[in-house]
């Protein structure tokens, strides 16, 4: 199962388990991000089918380009029973999303909690409009709002607590998003942060 970000609308979507379940909008995008499990590689998104992908052997070694229509991108697992209904895979080849993920990666690596094996609880606190020849796309703004032990749903994890090499994800001009649902409505120029949870309420 997946969670997707529609850069043309600045909105997140997922679906319940089940082949014919419809997608729905995620209104509070807060989840545990499995940053140690982040992978980079080549992706080819085609509407209606699972993406084709060839993953890099490591952050410092890129896989050869497998062919036409493949683009550089990333994937990692997210977990939130409250907001995502469990474990979801997140991947993207959109340049503005890659740039946002690189910023989040830098924050994670620099945090002492990462070295101790904690995983970041990340919230999308808003979006930033980016206009170019492709029109206006919306870059997600990620913020680490807490730290958590690795959920059982993410498995044991076989990656180091903090990778030594920053992912080689070059920011590129954001093309119209592929393999995404149509926008529900135009996104605001700057989306406000979700309302804070009541004291003692779970973040994810």
C-alpha atoms as a PDB file:
ATOM      1  CA  UNK A   1       0.000   0.000   0.000  1.00  0.00           C
ATOM      2  CA  UNK A   2       1.120   3.531  -0.700  1.00  0.00           C
ATOM      3  CA  UNK A   3       0.702   7.153   0.239  1.00  0.00           C
ATOM      4  CA  UNK A   4       1.140   9.661  -2.573  1.00  0.00           C
ATOM      5  CA  UNK A   5       1.704  13.395  -2.759  1.00  0.00           C
ATOM      6  CA  UNK A   6       0.028  15.343  -5.573  1.00  0.00           C
ATOM      7  CA  UNK A   7       2.416  18.220  -6.252  1.00  0.00           C
ATOM      8  CA  UNK A   8      -0.097  19.946  -8.535  1.00  0.00           C
ATOM      9  CA  UNK A   9      -2.628  20.155  -5.706  1.00  0.00           C
ATOM     10  CA  UNK A  10      -0.414  20.137  -2.616  1.00  0.00           C
ATOM     11  CA  UNK A  11      -2.369  17.254  -1.127  1.00  0.00           C
ATOM     12  CA  UNK A  12      -1.728  13.748   0.191  1.00  0.00           C
ATOM     13  CA  UNK A  13      -3.682  10.601  -0.667  1.00  0.00           C
ATOM     14  CA  UNK A  14      -3.839   6.982   0.431  1.00  0.00           C
ATOM     15  CA  UNK A  15      -6.365   4.140   0.405  1.00  0.00           C
ATOM     16  CA  UNK A  16      -7.564   1.318   2.592  1.00  0.00           C
ATOM     17  CA  UNK A  17      -6.257  -2.188   2.054  1.00  0.00           C
ATOM     18  CA  UNK A  18      -8.138  -3.854  -0.776  1.00  0.00           C
ATOM     19  CA  UNK A  19      -7.865  -3.870  -4.561  1.00  0.00           C
ATOM     20  CA  UNK A  20     -10.965  -1.811  -5.313  1.00  0.00           C
ATOM     21  CA  UNK A  21     -10.827   0.616  -2.412  1.00  0.00           C
ATOM     22  CA  UNK A  22     -10.954   4.294  -3.490  1.00  0.00           C
ATOM     23  CA  UNK A  23      -8.270   6.797  -2.627  1.00  0.00           C
ATOM     24  CA  UNK A  24      -8.993   9.440  -0.016  1.00  0.00           C
ATOM     25  CA  UNK A  25      -7.237  12.600   1.110  1.00  0.00           C
ATOM     26  CA  UNK A  26      -4.963  12.526   4.150  1.00  0.00           C
ATOM     27  CA  UNK A  27      -5.809  15.706   6.032  1.00  0.00           C
ATOM     28  CA  UNK A  28      -3.190  15.340   8.787  1.00  0.00           C
ATOM     29  CA  UNK A  29       0.024  14.070   7.219  1.00  0.00           C
ATOM     30  CA  UNK A  30       1.856  13.064  10.404  1.00  0.00           C
ATOM     31  CA  UNK A  31       3.692   9.744  10.496  1.00  0.00           C
ATOM     32  CA  UNK A  32       6.830   7.913  11.526  1.00  0.00           C
ATOM     33  CA  UNK A  33       9.320   8.132   8.643  1.00  0.00           C
ATOM     34  CA  UNK A  34      11.694   5.170   8.274  1.00  0.00           C
ATOM     35  CA  UNK A  35      14.645   7.362   7.325  1.00  0.00           C
ATOM     36  CA  UNK A  36      17.256   4.589   7.776  1.00  0.00           C
ATOM     37  CA  UNK A  37      15.333   2.615   5.142  1.00  0.00           C
ATOM     38  CA  UNK A  38      15.340   5.451   2.587  1.00  0.00           C
ATOM     39  CA  UNK A  39      16.330   4.192  -0.871  1.00  0.00           C
ATOM     40  CA  UNK A  40      17.134   5.985  -4.114  1.00  0.00           C
ATOM     41  CA  UNK A  41      16.916   4.758  -7.678  1.00  0.00           C
ATOM     42  CA  UNK A  42      15.114   4.946 -11.007  1.00  0.00           C
ATOM     43  CA  UNK A  43      11.311   4.955 -11.189  1.00  0.00           C
ATOM     44  CA  UNK A  44       8.796   4.720 -14.009  1.00  0.00           C
ATOM     45  CA  UNK A  45       5.232   5.627 -13.076  1.00  0.00           C
ATOM     46  CA  UNK A  46       2.391   4.455 -15.328  1.00  0.00           C
ATOM     47  CA  UNK A  47      -1.217   5.172 -14.458  1.00  0.00           C
ATOM     48  CA  UNK A  48      -3.125   2.183 -13.150  1.00  0.00           C
ATOM     49  CA  UNK A  49      -0.174  -0.121 -12.524  1.00  0.00           C
ATOM     50  CA  UNK A  50       2.539  -0.483  -9.915  1.00  0.00           C
ATOM     51  CA  UNK A  51       5.648   1.601 -10.658  1.00  0.00           C
ATOM     52  CA  UNK A  52       8.671  -0.018 -12.248  1.00  0.00           C
ATOM     53  CA  UNK A  53      11.835   0.659 -10.275  1.00  0.00           C
ATOM     54  CA  UNK A  54      15.535  -0.126 -10.195  1.00  0.00           C
ATOM     55  CA  UNK A  55      17.125   0.730  -6.859  1.00  0.00           C
ATOM     56  CA  UNK A  56      20.665   2.022  -6.335  1.00  0.00           C
ATOM     57  CA  UNK A  57      23.156  -0.344  -4.661  1.00  0.00           C
ATOM     58  CA  UNK A  58      23.915   2.487  -2.203  1.00  0.00           C
ATOM     59  CA  UNK A  59      23.637   6.269  -1.838  1.00  0.00           C
ATOM     60  CA  UNK A  60      27.150   6.625  -3.257  1.00  0.00           C
ATOM     61  CA  UNK A  61      26.550   4.325  -6.252  1.00  0.00           C
ATOM     62  CA  UNK A  62      23.749   4.993  -8.722  1.00  0.00           C
ATOM     63  CA  UNK A  63      22.214   2.180 -10.754  1.00  0.00           C
ATOM     64  CA  UNK A  64      22.470   2.546 -14.553  1.00  0.00           C
ATOM     65  CA  UNK A  65      19.514   4.222 -16.232  1.00  0.00           C
ATOM     66  CA  UNK A  66      17.246   1.290 -17.158  1.00  0.00           C
ATOM     67  CA  UNK A  67      15.562   3.011 -20.083  1.00  0.00           C
ATOM     68  CA  UNK A  68      13.194   5.612 -21.449  1.00  0.00           C
ATOM     69  CA  UNK A  69      10.755   7.362 -19.110  1.00  0.00           C
ATOM     70  CA  UNK A  70      12.633   6.352 -15.953  1.00  0.00           C
ATOM     71  CA  UNK A  71      13.384   9.211 -13.559  1.00  0.00           C
ATOM     72  CA  UNK A  72      15.520   9.578 -10.465  1.00  0.00           C
ATOM     73  CA  UNK A  73      13.573   9.320  -7.244  1.00  0.00           C
ATOM     74  CA  UNK A  74      13.328   7.854  -3.763  1.00  0.00           C
ATOM     75  CA  UNK A  75      11.169   5.587  -1.650  1.00  0.00           C
ATOM     76  CA  UNK A  76      10.724   4.884   2.049  1.00  0.00           C
ATOM     77  CA  UNK A  77       8.122   3.460   4.402  1.00  0.00           C
ATOM     78  CA  UNK A  78       5.880   5.591   6.613  1.00  0.00           C
ATOM     79  CA  UNK A  79       3.766   4.411   9.517  1.00  0.00           C
ATOM     80  CA  UNK A  80       0.704   5.895  11.174  1.00  0.00           C
ATOM     81  CA  UNK A  81      -2.264   3.838  12.276  1.00  0.00           C
ATOM     82  CA  UNK A  82      -4.155   7.047  13.035  1.00  0.00           C
ATOM     83  CA  UNK A  83      -3.525   9.001   9.823  1.00  0.00           C
ATOM     84  CA  UNK A  84      -2.488   6.407   7.210  1.00  0.00           C
ATOM     85  CA  UNK A  85      -4.265   3.282   8.493  1.00  0.00           C
ATOM     86  CA  UNK A  86      -0.934   1.567   9.049  1.00  0.00           C
ATOM     87  CA  UNK A  87       2.198   1.012   6.969  1.00  0.00           C
ATOM     88  CA  UNK A  88       2.470   2.863   3.660  1.00  0.00           C
ATOM     89  CA  UNK A  89       5.198   3.242   1.019  1.00  0.00           C
ATOM     90  CA  UNK A  90       5.996   6.768  -0.147  1.00  0.00           C
ATOM     91  CA  UNK A  91       7.916   7.383  -3.369  1.00  0.00           C
ATOM     92  CA  UNK A  92       8.359  10.327  -5.713  1.00  0.00           C
ATOM     93  CA  UNK A  93      10.366  11.585  -8.684  1.00  0.00           C
ATOM     94  CA  UNK A  94       9.096  15.178  -8.468  1.00  0.00           C
ATOM     95  CA  UNK A  95      11.972  17.625  -8.077  1.00  0.00           C
ATOM     96  CA  UNK A  96      10.280  19.779  -5.450  1.00  0.00           C
ATOM     97  CA  UNK A  97       9.471  16.715  -3.342  1.00  0.00           C
ATOM     98  CA  UNK A  98      13.041  15.436  -3.676  1.00  0.00           C
ATOM     99  CA  UNK A  99      14.311  18.821  -2.495  1.00  0.00           C
ATOM    100  CA  UNK A 100      11.994  18.715   0.528  1.00  0.00           C
ATOM    101  CA  UNK A 101      13.121  15.175   1.355  1.00  0.00           C
ATOM    102  CA  UNK A 102      16.793  16.190   1.138  1.00  0.00           C
ATOM    103  CA  UNK A 103      16.141  18.947   3.688  1.00  0.00           C
ATOM    104  CA  UNK A 104      14.383  16.484   5.980  1.00  0.00           C
ATOM    105  CA  UNK A 105      17.232  14.004   5.590  1.00  0.00           C
ATOM    106  CA  UNK A 106      19.756  16.637   6.664  1.00  0.00           C
ATOM    107  CA  UNK A 107      17.674  17.445   9.765  1.00  0.00           C
ATOM    108  CA  UNK A 108      17.411  13.769  10.645  1.00  0.00           C
ATOM    109  CA  UNK A 109      21.127  13.014  10.250  1.00  0.00           C
ATOM    110  CA  UNK A 110      22.061  16.009  12.431  1.00  0.00           C
ATOM    111  CA  UNK A 111      19.721  15.024  15.275  1.00  0.00           C
ATOM    112  CA  UNK A 112      21.223  13.120  18.227  1.00  0.00           C
ATOM    113  CA  UNK A 113      18.062  11.009  18.458  1.00  0.00           C
ATOM    114  CA  UNK A 114      18.875   9.453  15.067  1.00  0.00           C
ATOM    115  CA  UNK A 115      22.186   8.122  16.351  1.00  0.00           C
ATOM    116  CA  UNK A 116      20.359   6.378  19.196  1.00  0.00           C
ATOM    117  CA  UNK A 117      18.064   4.559  16.777  1.00  0.00           C
ATOM    118  CA  UNK A 118      14.933   6.667  17.217  1.00  0.00           C
ATOM    119  CA  UNK A 119      12.791   7.383  14.157  1.00  0.00           C
ATOM    120  CA  UNK A 120      11.422  10.862  13.431  1.00  0.00           C
ATOM    121  CA  UNK A 121       7.737  11.653  13.682  1.00  0.00           C
ATOM    122  CA  UNK A 122       7.305  13.964  10.700  1.00  0.00           C
ATOM    123  CA  UNK A 123       4.455  16.328   9.919  1.00  0.00           C
ATOM    124  CA  UNK A 124       3.745  18.137   6.664  1.00  0.00           C
ATOM    125  CA  UNK A 125       3.086  21.561   8.188  1.00  0.00           C
ATOM    126  CA  UNK A 126       2.228  23.324   4.936  1.00  0.00           C
ATOM    127  CA  UNK A 127       3.137  23.783   1.291  1.00  0.00           C
ATOM    128  CA  UNK A 128       5.180  26.302  -0.676  1.00  0.00           C
ATOM    129  CA  UNK A 129       4.150  27.294  -4.238  1.00  0.00           C
ATOM    130  CA  UNK A 130       6.840  26.928  -6.905  1.00  0.00           C
ATOM    131  CA  UNK A 131       6.041  28.369 -10.335  1.00  0.00           C
ATOM    132  CA  UNK A 132       7.960  27.508 -13.496  1.00  0.00           C
ATOM    133  CA  UNK A 133       7.291  26.632 -17.145  1.00  0.00           C
ATOM    134  CA  UNK A 134       5.192  23.661 -16.027  1.00  0.00           C
ATOM    135  CA  UNK A 135       2.879  25.903 -14.003  1.00  0.00           C
ATOM    136  CA  UNK A 136       2.551  26.032 -10.233  1.00  0.00           C
ATOM    137  CA  UNK A 137       3.448  23.070  -8.070  1.00  0.00           C
ATOM    138  CA  UNK A 138       3.431  22.894  -4.280  1.00  0.00           C
ATOM    139  CA  UNK A 139       6.463  21.810  -2.277  1.00  0.00           C
ATOM    140  CA  UNK A 140       5.676  20.067   1.022  1.00  0.00           C
ATOM    141  CA  UNK A 141       7.159  21.539   4.189  1.00  0.00           C
ATOM    142  CA  UNK A 142       8.351  18.764   6.501  1.00  0.00           C
ATOM    143  CA  UNK A 143       8.975  19.248  10.207  1.00  0.00           C
ATOM    144  CA  UNK A 144      10.192  16.751  12.792  1.00  0.00           C
ATOM    145  CA  UNK A 145       7.666  17.020  15.635  1.00  0.00           C
ATOM    146  CA  UNK A 146       8.798  14.085  17.764  1.00  0.00           C
ATOM    147  CA  UNK A 147      10.765  10.850  17.988  1.00  0.00           C
ATOM    148  CA  UNK A 148       9.598   7.271  18.377  1.00  0.00           C
ATOM    149  CA  UNK A 149      10.906   3.770  18.809  1.00  0.00           C
ATOM    150  CA  UNK A 150      10.733   1.728  15.616  1.00  0.00           C
ATOM    151  CA  UNK A 151       7.155   0.423  15.229  1.00  0.00           C
ATOM    152  CA  UNK A 152       6.849  -3.332  14.790  1.00  0.00           C
ATOM    153  CA  UNK A 153       5.146  -2.724  11.436  1.00  0.00           C
ATOM    154  CA  UNK A 154       8.431  -1.359  10.047  1.00  0.00           C
ATOM    155  CA  UNK A 155      10.321  -4.546  10.876  1.00  0.00           C
ATOM    156  CA  UNK A 156      13.735  -4.758  12.467  1.00  0.00           C
ATOM    157  CA  UNK A 157      15.463  -2.540   9.914  1.00  0.00           C
ATOM    158  CA  UNK A 158      18.815  -3.473   8.411  1.00  0.00           C
ATOM    159  CA  UNK A 159      20.139   0.023   7.770  1.00  0.00           C
ATOM    160  CA  UNK A 160      22.500   2.081   9.972  1.00  0.00           C
ATOM    161  CA  UNK A 161      20.894   4.615  12.304  1.00  0.00           C
ATOM    162  CA  UNK A 162      22.238   7.461  10.170  1.00  0.00           C
ATOM    163  CA  UNK A 163      23.741   6.964   6.725  1.00  0.00           C
ATOM    164  CA  UNK A 164      27.117   8.583   6.124  1.00  0.00           C
ATOM    165  CA  UNK A 165      26.299   9.737   2.613  1.00  0.00           C
ATOM    166  CA  UNK A 166      23.500  12.121   1.722  1.00  0.00           C
ATOM    167  CA  UNK A 167      21.167  10.673  -0.935  1.00  0.00           C
ATOM    168  CA  UNK A 168      22.137  11.717  -4.464  1.00  0.00           C
ATOM    169  CA  UNK A 169      18.787  13.163  -5.409  1.00  0.00           C
ATOM    170  CA  UNK A 170      19.371  16.085  -7.776  1.00  0.00           C
ATOM    171  CA  UNK A 171      16.625  18.722  -7.666  1.00  0.00           C
ATOM    172  CA  UNK A 172      15.054  18.950 -11.106  1.00  0.00           C
ATOM    173  CA  UNK A 173      12.347  21.052 -12.689  1.00  0.00           C
ATOM    174  CA  UNK A 174       9.043  19.763 -11.424  1.00  0.00           C
ATOM    175  CA  UNK A 175       7.084  18.184 -14.243  1.00  0.00           C
ATOM    176  CA  UNK A 176       3.356  17.567 -13.952  1.00  0.00           C
ATOM    177  CA  UNK A 177       2.874  14.818 -11.396  1.00  0.00           C
ATOM    178  CA  UNK A 178       2.376  11.323 -12.807  1.00  0.00           C
ATOM    179  CA  UNK A 179       0.405   8.421 -11.328  1.00  0.00           C
ATOM    180  CA  UNK A 180      -1.490  10.800  -9.072  1.00  0.00           C
ATOM    181  CA  UNK A 181      -5.213  11.490  -8.601  1.00  0.00           C
ATOM    182  CA  UNK A 182      -6.598  14.755  -9.967  1.00  0.00           C
ATOM    183  CA  UNK A 183      -6.614  17.755  -7.632  1.00  0.00           C
ATOM    184  CA  UNK A 184      -9.619  18.025  -5.368  1.00  0.00           C
ATOM    185  CA  UNK A 185      -9.285  21.804  -5.164  1.00  0.00           C
ATOM    186  CA  UNK A 186      -6.501  24.379  -5.564  1.00  0.00           C
ATOM    187  CA  UNK A 187      -4.083  24.361  -2.654  1.00  0.00           C
ATOM    188  CA  UNK A 188      -3.608  27.573  -0.687  1.00  0.00           C
ATOM    189  CA  UNK A 189      -0.425  29.561  -1.215  1.00  0.00           C
ATOM    190  CA  UNK A 190       0.682  28.468   2.234  1.00  0.00           C
ATOM    191  CA  UNK A 191      -1.194  25.731   4.041  1.00  0.00           C
ATOM    192  CA  UNK A 192      -1.484  26.230   7.801  1.00  0.00           C
ATOM    193  CA  UNK A 193      -0.186  23.628  10.186  1.00  0.00           C
ATOM    194  CA  UNK A 194      -2.755  21.131  11.481  1.00  0.00           C
ATOM    195  CA  UNK A 195      -4.214  21.967  14.863  1.00  0.00           C
ATOM    196  CA  UNK A 196      -2.060  20.601  17.698  1.00  0.00           C
ATOM    197  CA  UNK A 197      -3.254  17.383  19.284  1.00  0.00           C
ATOM    198  CA  UNK A 198      -4.717  17.593  22.792  1.00  0.00           C
ATOM    199  CA  UNK A 199      -2.314  16.852  25.624  1.00  0.00           C
ATOM    200  CA  UNK A 200      -1.687  13.132  25.843  1.00  0.00           C
ATOM    201  CA  UNK A 201      -3.212  12.382  22.432  1.00  0.00           C
ATOM    202  CA  UNK A 202      -1.052  10.311  20.045  1.00  0.00           C
ATOM    203  CA  UNK A 203       0.695  12.209  17.244  1.00  0.00           C
ATOM    204  CA  UNK A 204       0.410   9.288  14.872  1.00  0.00           C
END
